[in-house]
Amino acid sequence: MDKRLLDILCCPVSKTPVRLLARGELEAINTAIERGEVDTVAGARVQQRLGEGLITVDRKVVYRVDDGIPVMLPEEGIGTVQLKDFPATA
């Protein structure tokens, strides 16, 4: 992802800056998706693994990146509190 784009992106709700998901975070969320344990903020079940994602620096919300394009829609966010095995730090 372009560093300049990443520097200006933030959560559309809280305005918290975002960063790329670390490998361990991405693996944890994809494992939970495969088990059918992940919902979006809007309550829709997440069906597809994330190839790439952004996470707020406070580690509360994840946004998927599709084909290099961040999907920063509030209802598409994934709250990390629902993830049982989410790493404590990146």
PDB file of N, CA and C in Angstrom:
ATOM      1  N   MET A   1       0.838  -1.171   0.000  1.00  0.00           N
ATOM      2  CA  MET A   1       0.000   0.000   0.000  1.00  0.00           C
ATOM      3  C   MET A   1       0.888   1.241   0.000  1.00  0.00           C
ATOM      4  N   ASP A   2       0.465   2.233  -0.733  1.00  0.00           N
ATOM      5  CA  ASP A   2       1.205   3.491  -0.844  1.00  0.00           C
ATOM      6  C   ASP A   2       1.302   4.168   0.522  1.00  0.00           C
ATOM      7  N   LYS A   3       2.514   4.461   0.942  1.00  0.00           N
ATOM      8  CA  LYS A   3       2.762   5.086   2.252  1.00  0.00           C
ATOM      9  C   LYS A   3       2.038   6.428   2.373  1.00  0.00           C
ATOM     10  N   ARG A   4       1.984   7.196   1.297  1.00  0.00           N
ATOM     11  CA  ARG A   4       1.298   8.499   1.344  1.00  0.00           C
ATOM     12  C   ARG A   4      -0.191   8.327   1.609  1.00  0.00           C
ATOM     13  N   LEU A   5      -0.792   7.316   0.989  1.00  0.00           N
ATOM     14  CA  LEU A   5      -2.215   7.049   1.220  1.00  0.00           C
ATOM     15  C   LEU A   5      -2.430   6.594   2.653  1.00  0.00           C
ATOM     16  N   LEU A   6      -1.592   5.710   3.121  1.00  0.00           N
ATOM     17  CA  LEU A   6      -1.712   5.204   4.484  1.00  0.00           C
ATOM     18  C   LEU A   6      -1.600   6.337   5.511  1.00  0.00           C
ATOM     19  N   ASP A   7      -0.752   7.308   5.234  1.00  0.00           N
ATOM     20  CA  ASP A   7      -0.567   8.438   6.147  1.00  0.00           C
ATOM     21  C   ASP A   7      -1.801   9.319   6.288  1.00  0.00           C
ATOM     22  N   ILE A   8      -2.681   9.336   5.283  1.00  0.00           N
ATOM     23  CA  ILE A   8      -3.855  10.210   5.367  1.00  0.00           C
ATOM     24  C   ILE A   8      -5.139   9.469   5.740  1.00  0.00           C
ATOM     25  N   LEU A   9      -5.100   8.148   5.701  1.00  0.00           N
ATOM     26  CA  LEU A   9      -6.302   7.379   6.033  1.00  0.00           C
ATOM     27  C   LEU A   9      -6.549   7.357   7.537  1.00  0.00           C
ATOM     28  N   CYS A  10      -7.829   7.333   7.890  1.00  0.00           N
ATOM     29  CA  CYS A  10      -8.213   7.187   9.291  1.00  0.00           C
ATOM     30  C   CYS A  10      -9.593   6.544   9.344  1.00  0.00           C
ATOM     31  N   CYS A  11      -9.955   6.073  10.519  1.00  0.00           N
ATOM     32  CA  CYS A  11     -11.280   5.484  10.730  1.00  0.00           C
ATOM     33  C   CYS A  11     -12.326   6.558  10.439  1.00  0.00           C
ATOM     34  N   PRO A  12     -13.328   6.247   9.627  1.00  0.00           N
ATOM     35  CA  PRO A  12     -14.344   7.249   9.293  1.00  0.00           C
ATOM     36  C   PRO A  12     -15.236   7.628  10.474  1.00  0.00           C
ATOM     37  N   VAL A  13     -15.251   6.833  11.518  1.00  0.00           N
ATOM     38  CA  VAL A  13     -16.095   7.104  12.678  1.00  0.00           C
ATOM     39  C   VAL A  13     -15.316   7.847  13.759  1.00  0.00           C
ATOM     40  N   SER A  14     -14.211   7.256  14.203  1.00  0.00           N
ATOM     41  CA  SER A  14     -13.452   7.819  15.327  1.00  0.00           C
ATOM     42  C   SER A  14     -12.350   8.783  14.898  1.00  0.00           C
ATOM     43  N   LYS A  15     -12.022   8.764  13.604  1.00  0.00           N
ATOM     44  CA  LYS A  15     -10.921   9.572  13.045  1.00  0.00           C
ATOM     45  C   LYS A  15      -9.552   9.116  13.553  1.00  0.00           C
ATOM     46  N   THR A  16      -9.480   7.909  14.112  1.00  0.00           N
ATOM     47  CA  THR A  16      -8.225   7.335  14.579  1.00  0.00           C
ATOM     48  C   THR A  16      -7.395   6.900  13.372  1.00  0.00           C
ATOM     49  N   PRO A  17      -6.107   7.217  13.332  1.00  0.00           N
ATOM     50  CA  PRO A  17      -5.250   6.768  12.229  1.00  0.00           C
ATOM     51  C   PRO A  17      -5.238   5.243  12.130  1.00  0.00           C
ATOM     52  N   VAL A  18      -4.884   4.752  10.950  1.00  0.00           N
ATOM     53  CA  VAL A  18      -4.812   3.306  10.718  1.00  0.00           C
ATOM     54  C   VAL A  18      -3.406   2.930  10.271  1.00  0.00           C
ATOM     55  N   ARG A  19      -3.117   1.644  10.403  1.00  0.00           N
ATOM     56  CA  ARG A  19      -1.861   1.064   9.929  1.00  0.00           C
ATOM     57  C   ARG A  19      -2.185  -0.278   9.298  1.00  0.00           C
ATOM     58  N   LEU A  20      -1.241  -0.833   8.575  1.00  0.00           N
ATOM     59  CA  LEU A  20      -1.440  -2.161   7.999  1.00  0.00           C
ATOM     60  C   LEU A  20      -1.493  -3.210   9.098  1.00  0.00           C
ATOM     61  N   LEU A  21      -2.308  -4.225   8.896  1.00  0.00           N
ATOM     62  CA  LEU A  21      -2.339  -5.350   9.824  1.00  0.00           C
ATOM     63  C   LEU A  21      -0.996  -6.076   9.774  1.00  0.00           C
ATOM     64  N   ALA A  22      -0.479  -6.431  10.922  1.00  0.00           N
ATOM     65  CA  ALA A  22       0.729  -7.260  11.000  1.00  0.00           C
ATOM     66  C   ALA A  22       0.361  -8.693  10.615  1.00  0.00           C
ATOM     67  N   ARG A  23       1.354  -9.472  10.249  1.00  0.00           N
ATOM     68  CA  ARG A  23       1.106 -10.850   9.806  1.00  0.00           C
ATOM     69  C   ARG A  23       0.338 -11.662  10.848  1.00  0.00           C
ATOM     70  N   GLY A  24       0.739 -11.581  12.113  1.00  0.00           N
ATOM     71  CA  GLY A  24       0.061 -12.337  13.169  1.00  0.00           C
ATOM     72  C   GLY A  24      -1.388 -11.906  13.349  1.00  0.00           C
ATOM     73  N   GLU A  25      -1.639 -10.620  13.223  1.00  0.00           N
ATOM     74  CA  GLU A  25      -3.013 -10.111  13.334  1.00  0.00           C
ATOM     75  C   GLU A  25      -3.857 -10.612  12.170  1.00  0.00           C
ATOM     76  N   LEU A  26      -3.283 -10.575  10.965  1.00  0.00           N
ATOM     77  CA  LEU A  26      -3.994 -11.042   9.775  1.00  0.00           C
ATOM     78  C   LEU A  26      -4.299 -12.531   9.878  1.00  0.00           C
ATOM     79  N   GLU A  27      -3.337 -13.308  10.337  1.00  0.00           N
ATOM     80  CA  GLU A  27      -3.557 -14.749  10.508  1.00  0.00           C
ATOM     81  C   GLU A  27      -4.651 -15.025  11.531  1.00  0.00           C
ATOM     82  N   ALA A  28      -4.650 -14.277  12.631  1.00  0.00           N
ATOM     83  CA  ALA A  28      -5.659 -14.485  13.679  1.00  0.00           C
ATOM     84  C   ALA A  28      -7.058 -14.162  13.172  1.00  0.00           C
ATOM     85  N   ILE A  29      -7.203 -13.059  12.462  1.00  0.00           N
ATOM     86  CA  ILE A  29      -8.532 -12.698  11.972  1.00  0.00           C
ATOM     87  C   ILE A  29      -9.008 -13.675  10.903  1.00  0.00           C
ATOM     88  N   ASN A  30      -8.092 -14.133  10.032  1.00  0.00           N
ATOM     89  CA  ASN A  30      -8.481 -15.103   9.005  1.00  0.00           C
ATOM     90  C   ASN A  30      -8.856 -16.452   9.607  1.00  0.00           C
ATOM     91  N   THR A  31      -8.197 -16.861  10.658  1.00  0.00           N
ATOM     92  CA  THR A  31      -8.564 -18.102  11.345  1.00  0.00           C
ATOM     93  C   THR A  31      -9.976 -17.981  11.917  1.00  0.00           C
ATOM     94  N   ALA A  32     -10.268 -16.838  12.530  1.00  0.00           N
ATOM     95  CA  ALA A  32     -11.603 -16.619  13.090  1.00  0.00           C
ATOM     96  C   ALA A  32     -12.659 -16.560  11.984  1.00  0.00           C
ATOM     97  N   ILE A  33     -12.323 -15.959  10.833  1.00  0.00           N
ATOM     98  CA  ILE A  33     -13.263 -15.922   9.698  1.00  0.00           C
ATOM     99  C   ILE A  33     -13.562 -17.335   9.233  1.00  0.00           C
ATOM    100  N   GLU A  34     -12.528 -18.170   9.109  1.00  0.00           N
ATOM    101  CA  GLU A  34     -12.722 -19.556   8.670  1.00  0.00           C
ATOM    102  C   GLU A  34     -13.607 -20.338   9.634  1.00  0.00           C
ATOM    103  N   ARG A  35     -13.554 -20.000  10.921  1.00  0.00           N
ATOM    104  CA  ARG A  35     -14.402 -20.668  11.915  1.00  0.00           C
ATOM    105  C   ARG A  35     -15.807 -20.077  11.963  1.00  0.00           C
ATOM    106  N   GLY A  36     -16.060 -19.035  11.179  1.00  0.00           N
ATOM    107  CA  GLY A  36     -17.384 -18.412  11.156  1.00  0.00           C
ATOM    108  C   GLY A  36     -17.673 -17.555  12.375  1.00  0.00           C
ATOM    109  N   GLU A  37     -16.639 -16.955  12.946  1.00  0.00           N
ATOM    110  CA  GLU A  37     -16.779 -16.205  14.194  1.00  0.00           C
ATOM    111  C   GLU A  37     -16.670 -14.698  14.039  1.00  0.00           C
ATOM    112  N   VAL A  38     -16.660 -14.189  12.807  1.00  0.00           N
ATOM    113  CA  VAL A  38     -16.405 -12.765  12.608  1.00  0.00           C
ATOM    114  C   VAL A  38     -17.578 -12.088  11.909  1.00  0.00           C
ATOM    115  N   ASP A  39     -18.034 -10.996  12.513  1.00  0.00           N
ATOM    116  CA  ASP A  39     -19.101 -10.174  11.943  1.00  0.00           C
ATOM    117  C   ASP A  39     -18.599  -8.750  11.738  1.00  0.00           C
ATOM    118  N   THR A  40     -19.191  -8.073  10.772  1.00  0.00           N
ATOM    119  CA  THR A  40     -18.893  -6.652  10.598  1.00  0.00           C
ATOM    120  C   THR A  40     -19.602  -5.864  11.693  1.00  0.00           C
ATOM    121  N   VAL A  41     -19.294  -4.586  11.777  1.00  0.00           N
ATOM    122  CA  VAL A  41     -19.960  -3.712  12.736  1.00  0.00           C
ATOM    123  C   VAL A  41     -21.475  -3.715  12.506  1.00  0.00           C
ATOM    124  N   ALA A  42     -21.890  -3.869  11.247  1.00  0.00           N
ATOM    125  CA  ALA A  42     -23.311  -3.887  10.899  1.00  0.00           C
ATOM    126  C   ALA A  42     -23.977  -5.229  11.215  1.00  0.00           C
ATOM    127  N   GLY A  43     -23.193  -6.223  11.635  1.00  0.00           N
ATOM    128  CA  GLY A  43     -23.764  -7.518  12.004  1.00  0.00           C
ATOM    129  C   GLY A  43     -23.757  -8.561  10.904  1.00  0.00           C
ATOM    130  N   ALA A  44     -23.158  -8.260   9.760  1.00  0.00           N
ATOM    131  CA  ALA A  44     -23.077  -9.234   8.667  1.00  0.00           C
ATOM    132  C   ALA A  44     -21.884 -10.157   8.892  1.00  0.00           C
ATOM    133  N   ARG A  45     -22.087 -11.440   8.658  1.00  0.00           N
ATOM    134  CA  ARG A  45     -21.003 -12.416   8.802  1.00  0.00           C
ATOM    135  C   ARG A  45     -19.955 -12.179   7.726  1.00  0.00           C
ATOM    136  N   VAL A  46     -18.683 -12.167   8.101  1.00  0.00           N
ATOM    137  CA  VAL A  46     -17.579 -12.026   7.148  1.00  0.00           C
ATOM    138  C   VAL A  46     -17.322 -13.408   6.563  1.00  0.00           C
ATOM    139  N   GLN A  47     -17.426 -13.524   5.242  1.00  0.00           N
ATOM    140  CA  GLN A  47     -17.313 -14.816   4.564  1.00  0.00           C
ATOM    141  C   GLN A  47     -15.935 -15.061   3.961  1.00  0.00           C
ATOM    142  N   GLN A  48     -15.260 -13.985   3.534  1.00  0.00           N
ATOM    143  CA  GLN A  48     -13.993 -14.147   2.824  1.00  0.00           C
ATOM    144  C   GLN A  48     -12.803 -13.733   3.671  1.00  0.00           C
ATOM    145  N   ARG A  49     -11.749 -14.532   3.560  1.00  0.00           N
ATOM    146  CA  ARG A  49     -10.487 -14.201   4.239  1.00  0.00           C
ATOM    147  C   ARG A  49      -9.989 -12.848   3.752  1.00  0.00           C
ATOM    148  N   LEU A  50      -9.237 -12.176   4.595  1.00  0.00           N
ATOM    149  CA  LEU A  50      -8.627 -10.909   4.216  1.00  0.00           C
ATOM    150  C   LEU A  50      -7.243 -11.184   3.642  1.00  0.00           C
ATOM    151  N   GLY A  51      -6.956 -10.624   2.485  1.00  0.00           N
ATOM    152  CA  GLY A  51      -5.618 -10.712   1.928  1.00  0.00           C
ATOM    153  C   GLY A  51      -4.729  -9.636   2.523  1.00  0.00           C
ATOM    154  N   GLU A  52      -5.378  -8.543   2.886  1.00  0.00           N
ATOM    155  CA  GLU A  52      -4.693  -7.391   3.457  1.00  0.00           C
ATOM    156  C   GLU A  52      -5.735  -6.614   4.248  1.00  0.00           C
ATOM    157  N   GLY A  53      -5.298  -5.903   5.251  1.00  0.00           N
ATOM    158  CA  GLY A  53      -6.238  -5.120   6.041  1.00  0.00           C
ATOM    159  C   GLY A  53      -5.562  -3.974   6.751  1.00  0.00           C
ATOM    160  N   LEU A  54      -6.382  -3.040   7.194  1.00  0.00           N
ATOM    161  CA  LEU A  54      -5.931  -1.900   7.983  1.00  0.00           C
ATOM    162  C   LEU A  54      -6.557  -2.002   9.357  1.00  0.00           C
ATOM    163  N   ILE A  55      -5.845  -1.558  10.358  1.00  0.00           N
ATOM    164  CA  ILE A  55      -6.363  -1.569  11.719  1.00  0.00           C
ATOM    165  C   ILE A  55      -6.116  -0.195  12.336  1.00  0.00           C
ATOM    166  N   THR A  56      -7.067   0.265  13.118  1.00  0.00           N
ATOM    167  CA  THR A  56      -6.870   1.537  13.802  1.00  0.00           C
ATOM    168  C   THR A  56      -5.722   1.377  14.785  1.00  0.00           C
ATOM    169  N   VAL A  57      -4.982   2.459  15.026  1.00  0.00           N
ATOM    170  CA  VAL A  57      -3.814   2.357  15.909  1.00  0.00           C
ATOM    171  C   VAL A  57      -4.208   2.017  17.345  1.00  0.00           C
ATOM    172  N   ASP A  58      -5.475   2.220  17.715  1.00  0.00           N
ATOM    173  CA  ASP A  58      -5.931   1.789  19.041  1.00  0.00           C
ATOM    174  C   ASP A  58      -6.377   0.326  19.031  1.00  0.00           C
ATOM    175  N   ARG A  59      -6.271  -0.323  17.867  1.00  0.00           N
ATOM    176  CA  ARG A  59      -6.528  -1.758  17.658  1.00  0.00           C
ATOM    177  C   ARG A  59      -7.974  -2.171  17.893  1.00  0.00           C
ATOM    178  N   LYS A  60      -8.909  -1.262  17.655  1.00  0.00           N
ATOM    179  CA  LYS A  60     -10.316  -1.565  17.893  1.00  0.00           C
ATOM    180  C   LYS A  60     -11.076  -2.003  16.649  1.00  0.00           C
ATOM    181  N   VAL A  61     -10.687  -1.500  15.467  1.00  0.00           N
ATOM    182  CA  VAL A  61     -11.443  -1.779  14.246  1.00  0.00           C
ATOM    183  C   VAL A  61     -10.495  -2.122  13.099  1.00  0.00           C
ATOM    184  N   VAL A  62     -10.883  -3.150  12.335  1.00  0.00           N
ATOM    185  CA  VAL A  62     -10.150  -3.573  11.145  1.00  0.00           C
ATOM    186  C   VAL A  62     -10.995  -3.249   9.919  1.00  0.00           C
ATOM    187  N   TYR A  63     -10.338  -2.761   8.879  1.00  0.00           N
ATOM    188  CA  TYR A  63     -10.981  -2.525   7.583  1.00  0.00           C
ATOM    189  C   TYR A  63     -10.259  -3.352   6.545  1.00  0.00           C
ATOM    190  N   ARG A  64     -11.012  -4.019   5.686  1.00  0.00           N
ATOM    191  CA  ARG A  64     -10.386  -4.850   4.649  1.00  0.00           C
ATOM    192  C   ARG A  64      -9.839  -3.966   3.526  1.00  0.00           C
ATOM    193  N   VAL A  65      -8.915  -4.535   2.781  1.00  0.00           N
ATOM    194  CA  VAL A  65      -8.352  -3.895   1.599  1.00  0.00           C
ATOM    195  C   VAL A  65      -8.612  -4.855   0.447  1.00  0.00           C
ATOM    196  N   ASP A  66      -9.361  -4.411  -0.548  1.00  0.00           N
ATOM    197  CA  ASP A  66      -9.688  -5.242  -1.713  1.00  0.00           C
ATOM    198  C   ASP A  66      -8.908  -4.758  -2.924  1.00  0.00           C
ATOM    199  N   ASP A  67      -8.062  -5.624  -3.473  1.00  0.00           N
ATOM    200  CA  ASP A  67      -7.264  -5.275  -4.654  1.00  0.00           C
ATOM    201  C   ASP A  67      -6.534  -3.954  -4.478  1.00  0.00           C
ATOM    202  N   GLY A  68      -5.971  -3.743  -3.290  1.00  0.00           N
ATOM    203  CA  GLY A  68      -5.209  -2.538  -3.008  1.00  0.00           C
ATOM    204  C   GLY A  68      -6.045  -1.323  -2.652  1.00  0.00           C
ATOM    205  N   ILE A  69      -7.362  -1.480  -2.589  1.00  0.00           N
ATOM    206  CA  ILE A  69      -8.263  -0.364  -2.289  1.00  0.00           C
ATOM    207  C   ILE A  69      -8.843  -0.545  -0.892  1.00  0.00           C
ATOM    208  N   PRO A  70      -8.553   0.372   0.033  1.00  0.00           N
ATOM    209  CA  PRO A  70      -9.116   0.276   1.385  1.00  0.00           C
ATOM    210  C   PRO A  70     -10.639   0.463   1.349  1.00  0.00           C
ATOM    211  N   VAL A  71     -11.355  -0.412   2.040  1.00  0.00           N
ATOM    212  CA  VAL A  71     -12.813  -0.302   2.148  1.00  0.00           C
ATOM    213  C   VAL A  71     -13.102   0.307   3.521  1.00  0.00           C
ATOM    214  N   MET A  72     -13.203   1.630   3.550  1.00  0.00           N
ATOM    215  CA  MET A  72     -13.300   2.373   4.806  1.00  0.00           C
ATOM    216  C   MET A  72     -14.746   2.772   5.113  1.00  0.00           C
ATOM    217  N   LEU A  73     -15.678   1.904   4.826  1.00  0.00           N
ATOM    218  CA  LEU A  73     -17.085   2.156   5.140  1.00  0.00           C
ATOM    219  C   LEU A  73     -17.340   1.765   6.594  1.00  0.00           C
ATOM    220  N   PRO A  74     -17.983   2.635   7.382  1.00  0.00           N
ATOM    221  CA  PRO A  74     -18.213   2.323   8.798  1.00  0.00           C
ATOM    222  C   PRO A  74     -18.867   0.965   9.018  1.00  0.00           C
ATOM    223  N   GLU A  75     -19.865   0.631   8.213  1.00  0.00           N
ATOM    224  CA  GLU A  75     -20.591  -0.626   8.403  1.00  0.00           C
ATOM    225  C   GLU A  75     -19.781  -1.855   8.013  1.00  0.00           C
ATOM    226  N   GLU A  76     -18.681  -1.669   7.290  1.00  0.00           N
ATOM    227  CA  GLU A  76     -17.828  -2.783   6.866  1.00  0.00           C
ATOM    228  C   GLU A  76     -16.688  -3.054   7.852  1.00  0.00           C
ATOM    229  N   GLY A  77     -16.524  -2.216   8.843  1.00  0.00           N
ATOM    230  CA  GLY A  77     -15.475  -2.416   9.837  1.00  0.00           C
ATOM    231  C   GLY A  77     -15.688  -3.698  10.629  1.00  0.00           C
ATOM    232  N   ILE A  78     -14.609  -4.251  11.134  1.00  0.00           N
ATOM    233  CA  ILE A  78     -14.647  -5.468  11.944  1.00  0.00           C
ATOM    234  C   ILE A  78     -14.087  -5.119  13.317  1.00  0.00           C
ATOM    235  N   GLY A  79     -14.927  -5.195  14.321  1.00  0.00           N
ATOM    236  CA  GLY A  79     -14.481  -4.915  15.687  1.00  0.00           C
ATOM    237  C   GLY A  79     -13.597  -6.030  16.205  1.00  0.00           C
ATOM    238  N   THR A  80     -12.475  -5.678  16.804  1.00  0.00           N
ATOM    239  CA  THR A  80     -11.537  -6.704  17.270  1.00  0.00           C
ATOM    240  C   THR A  80     -11.939  -7.321  18.601  1.00  0.00           C
ATOM    241  N   VAL A  81     -12.855  -6.706  19.341  1.00  0.00           N
ATOM    242  CA  VAL A  81     -13.256  -7.247  20.637  1.00  0.00           C
ATOM    243  C   VAL A  81     -13.884  -8.647  20.486  1.00  0.00           C
ATOM    244  N   GLN A  82     -14.439  -8.947  19.333  1.00  0.00           N
ATOM    245  CA  GLN A  82     -15.061 -10.257  19.097  1.00  0.00           C
ATOM    246  C   GLN A  82     -14.045 -11.361  18.813  1.00  0.00           C
ATOM    247  N   LEU A  83     -12.793 -10.997  18.607  1.00  0.00           N
ATOM    248  CA  LEU A  83     -11.759 -11.962  18.244  1.00  0.00           C
ATOM    249  C   LEU A  83     -11.074 -12.502  19.490  1.00  0.00           C
ATOM    250  N   LYS A  84     -11.327 -13.763  19.813  1.00  0.00           N
ATOM    251  CA  LYS A  84     -10.820 -14.381  21.038  1.00  0.00           C
ATOM    252  C   LYS A  84      -9.299 -14.513  21.062  1.00  0.00           C
ATOM    253  N   ASP A  85      -8.712 -14.873  19.933  1.00  0.00           N
ATOM    254  CA  ASP A  85      -7.280 -15.143  19.874  1.00  0.00           C
ATOM    255  C   ASP A  85      -6.505 -14.046  19.173  1.00  0.00           C
ATOM    256  N   PHE A  86      -7.009 -12.815  19.207  1.00  0.00           N
ATOM    257  CA  PHE A  86      -6.329 -11.713  18.542  1.00  0.00           C
ATOM    258  C   PHE A  86      -5.064 -11.361  19.318  1.00  0.00           C
ATOM    259  N   PRO A  87      -3.923 -11.243  18.649  1.00  0.00           N
ATOM    260  CA  PRO A  87      -2.667 -10.948  19.363  1.00  0.00           C
ATOM    261  C   PRO A  87      -2.769  -9.659  20.191  1.00  0.00           C
ATOM    262  N   ALA A  88      -2.144  -9.659  21.344  1.00  0.00           N
ATOM    263  CA  ALA A  88      -2.186  -8.502  22.231  1.00  0.00           C
ATOM    264  C   ALA A  88      -1.445  -7.314  21.636  1.00  0.00           C
ATOM    265  N   THR A  89      -0.398  -7.561  20.893  1.00  0.00           N
ATOM    266  CA  THR A  89       0.351  -6.492  20.228  1.00  0.00           C
ATOM    267  C   THR A  89       0.743  -6.963  18.846  1.00  0.00           C
ATOM    268  N   ALA A  90       1.100  -5.991  18.014  1.00  0.00           N
ATOM    269  CA  ALA A  90       1.433  -6.317  16.613  1.00  0.00           C
ATOM    270  C   ALA A  90       2.725  -7.036  16.487  1.00  0.00           C
TER     271      ALA A  90
END
